Amino acid sequence: MINGVEAVYEHGVLRPLEPLGLEEHQHVRLIVEEVTNDPADAWIDHEYHAAIAASIEPEPTLEEVRHALSGIEGSLSDAIRLERDERG
């Protein structure tokens, strides 16, 4: 069963704002999503964005970028000068 319900976080505990219909000591899985008052928020598919974010590889570090760029011949400034000179 999947049931969406709003809750309030107070003193380290999530308190549902409506009855859940669960048995005592029943284990459940929580997905916490912040509720906003932004009207545009209703149009955003947050589950899709969460799934995409989970599947994306971490961003490369600056050192990884430098290493990848170090294998490129020439320089950007030389390429800009050449293009400028070709335009006349």
N, C-alpha and C. Protein backbone atom coordinates (compact mmCIF):
# COMPACT_ATOMS: atom_id res chain seq x y z
N MET A 1 0.85 -1.17 0.00
CA MET A 1 0.00 0.00 0.00
C MET A 1 0.89 1.24 0.00
N ILE A 2 0.58 2.18 -0.85
CA ILE A 2 1.27 3.48 -0.87
C ILE A 2 0.25 4.53 -0.52
N ASN A 3 0.58 5.33 0.50
CA ASN A 3 -0.35 6.34 0.98
C ASN A 3 0.43 7.62 1.24
N GLY A 4 0.05 8.70 0.57
CA GLY A 4 0.71 9.98 0.80
C GLY A 4 -0.04 10.74 1.88
N VAL A 5 0.68 11.24 2.85
CA VAL A 5 0.07 11.98 3.94
C VAL A 5 1.04 13.08 4.37
N GLU A 6 0.50 14.22 4.72
CA GLU A 6 1.35 15.29 5.23
C GLU A 6 1.61 15.07 6.71
N ALA A 7 2.77 15.54 7.15
CA ALA A 7 3.16 15.39 8.54
C ALA A 7 3.90 16.65 8.97
N VAL A 8 4.04 16.79 10.28
CA VAL A 8 4.77 17.92 10.87
C VAL A 8 5.95 17.34 11.63
N TYR A 9 7.11 17.94 11.44
CA TYR A 9 8.31 17.52 12.16
C TYR A 9 8.43 18.34 13.43
N GLU A 10 8.31 17.69 14.59
CA GLU A 10 8.39 18.38 15.89
C GLU A 10 9.27 17.60 16.84
N HIS A 11 10.27 18.26 17.37
CA HIS A 11 11.14 17.68 18.40
C HIS A 11 11.71 16.33 17.95
N GLY A 12 12.14 16.26 16.69
CA GLY A 12 12.78 15.05 16.19
C GLY A 12 11.84 13.93 15.78
N VAL A 13 10.53 14.20 15.74
CA VAL A 13 9.55 13.16 15.41
C VAL A 13 8.61 13.67 14.32
N LEU A 14 8.31 12.82 13.34
CA LEU A 14 7.31 13.16 12.33
C LEU A 14 5.93 12.79 12.86
N ARG A 15 5.02 13.77 12.89
CA ARG A 15 3.65 13.54 13.37
C ARG A 15 2.70 13.69 12.20
N PRO A 16 2.04 12.58 11.76
CA PRO A 16 1.10 12.65 10.65
C PRO A 16 -0.07 13.57 10.99
N LEU A 17 -0.59 14.26 9.97
CA LEU A 17 -1.71 15.17 10.18
C LEU A 17 -3.06 14.48 9.99
N GLU A 18 -3.05 13.19 9.69
CA GLU A 18 -4.28 12.41 9.59
C GLU A 18 -3.97 10.96 9.97
N PRO A 19 -4.99 10.18 10.33
CA PRO A 19 -4.74 8.79 10.72
C PRO A 19 -4.15 7.98 9.57
N LEU A 20 -3.26 7.03 9.91
CA LEU A 20 -2.59 6.23 8.89
C LEU A 20 -3.20 4.85 8.69
N GLY A 21 -3.94 4.36 9.68
CA GLY A 21 -4.52 3.03 9.56
C GLY A 21 -3.49 1.92 9.63
N LEU A 22 -2.48 2.10 10.45
CA LEU A 22 -1.43 1.10 10.60
C LEU A 22 -1.59 0.39 11.94
N GLU A 23 -1.03 -0.82 12.00
CA GLU A 23 -1.02 -1.56 13.27
C GLU A 23 0.17 -1.10 14.11
N GLU A 24 0.05 -1.27 15.42
CA GLU A 24 1.16 -0.92 16.31
C GLU A 24 2.41 -1.69 15.92
N HIS A 25 3.54 -1.02 15.91
CA HIS A 25 4.86 -1.58 15.61
C HIS A 25 4.99 -2.07 14.18
N GLN A 26 4.08 -1.68 13.30
CA GLN A 26 4.18 -2.05 11.89
C GLN A 26 5.29 -1.23 11.25
N HIS A 27 6.14 -1.88 10.49
CA HIS A 27 7.24 -1.19 9.81
C HIS A 27 6.74 -0.62 8.50
N VAL A 28 7.18 0.59 8.18
CA VAL A 28 6.83 1.26 6.94
C VAL A 28 8.08 1.91 6.35
N ARG A 29 8.02 2.30 5.09
CA ARG A 29 9.12 3.02 4.45
C ARG A 29 8.65 4.45 4.23
N LEU A 30 9.46 5.41 4.64
CA LEU A 30 9.12 6.82 4.49
C LEU A 30 9.93 7.45 3.37
N ILE A 31 9.27 8.28 2.59
CA ILE A 31 9.95 9.15 1.63
C ILE A 31 9.56 10.56 2.03
N VAL A 32 10.52 11.33 2.47
CA VAL A 32 10.24 12.66 2.99
C VAL A 32 10.40 13.67 1.86
N GLU A 33 9.35 14.44 1.61
CA GLU A 33 9.33 15.47 0.58
C GLU A 33 8.84 16.75 1.23
N GLU A 34 9.63 17.80 1.11
CA GLU A 34 9.27 19.07 1.73
C GLU A 34 8.06 19.68 1.01
N VAL A 35 7.09 20.14 1.77
CA VAL A 35 5.91 20.79 1.22
C VAL A 35 6.19 22.28 1.14
N THR A 36 5.91 22.85 -0.04
CA THR A 36 6.14 24.29 -0.23
C THR A 36 4.81 24.97 -0.54
N ASN A 37 4.79 26.26 -0.41
CA ASN A 37 3.60 27.04 -0.73
C ASN A 37 3.66 27.62 -2.14
N ASP A 38 4.65 27.17 -2.91
CA ASP A 38 4.83 27.67 -4.28
C ASP A 38 3.79 27.01 -5.19
N PRO A 39 2.91 27.79 -5.84
CA PRO A 39 1.88 27.19 -6.70
C PRO A 39 2.48 26.41 -7.88
N ALA A 40 3.65 26.79 -8.35
CA ALA A 40 4.28 26.08 -9.46
C ALA A 40 4.78 24.70 -9.03
N ASP A 41 4.95 24.51 -7.73
CA ASP A 41 5.46 23.24 -7.22
C ASP A 41 4.53 22.08 -7.56
N ALA A 42 3.25 22.32 -7.68
CA ALA A 42 2.30 21.27 -8.00
C ALA A 42 2.52 20.72 -9.42
N TRP A 43 3.14 21.48 -10.28
CA TRP A 43 3.36 21.06 -11.66
C TRP A 43 4.64 20.26 -11.84
N ILE A 44 5.48 20.23 -10.82
CA ILE A 44 6.78 19.56 -10.92
C ILE A 44 6.62 18.10 -10.51
N ASP A 45 7.18 17.20 -11.32
CA ASP A 45 7.15 15.77 -11.01
C ASP A 45 8.38 15.45 -10.15
N HIS A 46 8.23 15.55 -8.84
CA HIS A 46 9.35 15.39 -7.92
C HIS A 46 9.88 13.97 -7.92
N GLU A 47 9.02 12.98 -8.09
CA GLU A 47 9.48 11.59 -8.12
C GLU A 47 10.40 11.36 -9.32
N TYR A 48 10.05 11.94 -10.46
CA TYR A 48 10.89 11.81 -11.65
C TYR A 48 12.25 12.47 -11.41
N HIS A 49 12.24 13.68 -10.86
CA HIS A 49 13.50 14.37 -10.59
C HIS A 49 14.36 13.60 -9.60
N ALA A 50 13.74 12.99 -8.61
CA ALA A 50 14.50 12.20 -7.64
C ALA A 50 15.12 10.98 -8.31
N ALA A 51 14.36 10.33 -9.19
CA ALA A 51 14.87 9.15 -9.89
C ALA A 51 16.03 9.53 -10.80
N ILE A 52 15.91 10.65 -11.50
CA ILE A 52 16.99 11.11 -12.38
C ILE A 52 18.22 11.47 -11.55
N ALA A 53 18.02 12.17 -10.45
CA ALA A 53 19.15 12.57 -9.60
C ALA A 53 19.88 11.35 -9.05
N ALA A 54 19.14 10.29 -8.75
CA ALA A 54 19.75 9.08 -8.21
C ALA A 54 20.55 8.34 -9.28
N SER A 55 20.19 8.51 -10.54
CA SER A 55 20.86 7.76 -11.60
C SER A 55 22.02 8.54 -12.24
N ILE A 56 22.16 9.79 -11.92
CA ILE A 56 23.21 10.62 -12.51
C ILE A 56 24.53 10.37 -11.79
N GLU A 57 25.58 10.26 -12.60
CA GLU A 57 26.91 10.08 -12.02
C GLU A 57 27.32 11.38 -11.33
N PRO A 58 28.16 11.28 -10.30
CA PRO A 58 28.60 12.51 -9.63
C PRO A 58 29.39 13.39 -10.59
N GLU A 59 29.36 14.69 -10.33
CA GLU A 59 30.08 15.64 -11.17
C GLU A 59 31.57 15.38 -11.06
N PRO A 60 32.30 15.57 -12.16
CA PRO A 60 33.75 15.36 -12.10
C PRO A 60 34.41 16.42 -11.23
N THR A 61 35.50 16.05 -10.63
CA THR A 61 36.25 17.00 -9.83
C THR A 61 37.05 17.92 -10.76
N LEU A 62 37.53 19.01 -10.22
CA LEU A 62 38.35 19.94 -10.99
C LEU A 62 39.60 19.24 -11.52
N GLU A 63 40.19 18.38 -10.73
CA GLU A 63 41.38 17.65 -11.17
C GLU A 63 41.06 16.73 -12.33
N GLU A 64 39.89 16.07 -12.31
CA GLU A 64 39.50 15.19 -13.41
C GLU A 64 39.29 16.00 -14.69
N VAL A 65 38.71 17.18 -14.57
CA VAL A 65 38.51 18.04 -15.74
C VAL A 65 39.86 18.50 -16.28
N ARG A 66 40.74 18.94 -15.41
CA ARG A 66 42.06 19.38 -15.85
C ARG A 66 42.81 18.26 -16.56
N HIS A 67 42.71 17.05 -16.01
CA HIS A 67 43.39 15.91 -16.61
C HIS A 67 42.83 15.62 -18.00
N ALA A 68 41.50 15.67 -18.14
CA ALA A 68 40.87 15.42 -19.45
C ALA A 68 41.26 16.50 -20.45
N LEU A 69 41.33 17.75 -20.01
CA LEU A 69 41.67 18.86 -20.91
C LEU A 69 43.15 18.89 -21.26
N SER A 70 43.97 18.31 -20.41
CA SER A 70 45.42 18.37 -20.65
C SER A 70 45.82 17.59 -21.90
N GLY A 71 45.00 16.69 -22.36
CA GLY A 71 45.32 15.92 -23.55
C GLY A 71 44.98 16.62 -24.84
N ILE A 72 44.36 17.78 -24.78
CA ILE A 72 43.97 18.52 -25.98
C ILE A 72 45.15 19.36 -26.44
N GLU A 73 45.46 19.25 -27.74
CA GLU A 73 46.59 20.00 -28.31
C GLU A 73 46.23 21.47 -28.48
N GLY A 74 47.19 22.35 -28.39
CA GLY A 74 46.99 23.77 -28.60
C GLY A 74 46.39 24.45 -27.39
N SER A 75 45.95 25.71 -27.61
CA SER A 75 45.34 26.45 -26.51
C SER A 75 44.11 27.18 -27.00
N LEU A 76 43.22 27.50 -26.11
CA LEU A 76 42.01 28.21 -26.45
C LEU A 76 42.33 29.61 -26.97
N SER A 77 43.28 30.26 -26.36
CA SER A 77 43.63 31.61 -26.81
C SER A 77 44.19 31.58 -28.24
N ASP A 78 44.97 30.54 -28.59
CA ASP A 78 45.47 30.42 -29.96
C ASP A 78 44.31 30.20 -30.94
N ALA A 79 43.33 29.41 -30.56
CA ALA A 79 42.18 29.16 -31.42
C ALA A 79 41.37 30.43 -31.63
N ILE A 80 41.23 31.25 -30.58
CA ILE A 80 40.49 32.52 -30.70
C ILE A 80 41.23 33.48 -31.61
N ARG A 81 42.56 33.58 -31.45
CA ARG A 81 43.36 34.46 -32.30
C ARG A 81 43.27 34.04 -33.76
N LEU A 82 43.37 32.73 -34.01
CA LEU A 82 43.30 32.22 -35.37
C LEU A 82 41.95 32.54 -36.00
N GLU A 83 40.86 32.32 -35.25
CA GLU A 83 39.53 32.63 -35.77
C GLU A 83 39.38 34.12 -36.04
N ARG A 84 39.89 34.96 -35.15
CA ARG A 84 39.81 36.41 -35.34
C ARG A 84 40.60 36.84 -36.57
N ASP A 85 41.77 36.27 -36.75
CA ASP A 85 42.61 36.63 -37.90
C ASP A 85 41.98 36.17 -39.21
N GLU A 86 41.29 35.03 -39.18
CA GLU A 86 40.65 34.53 -40.39
C GLU A 86 39.47 35.41 -40.82
N ARG A 87 38.81 36.05 -39.84
CA ARG A 87 37.70 36.93 -40.17
C ARG A 87 38.18 38.24 -40.80
N GLY A 88 39.41 38.57 -40.51
CA GLY A 88 40.00 39.69 -41.16
C GLY A 88 40.05 40.95 -40.48
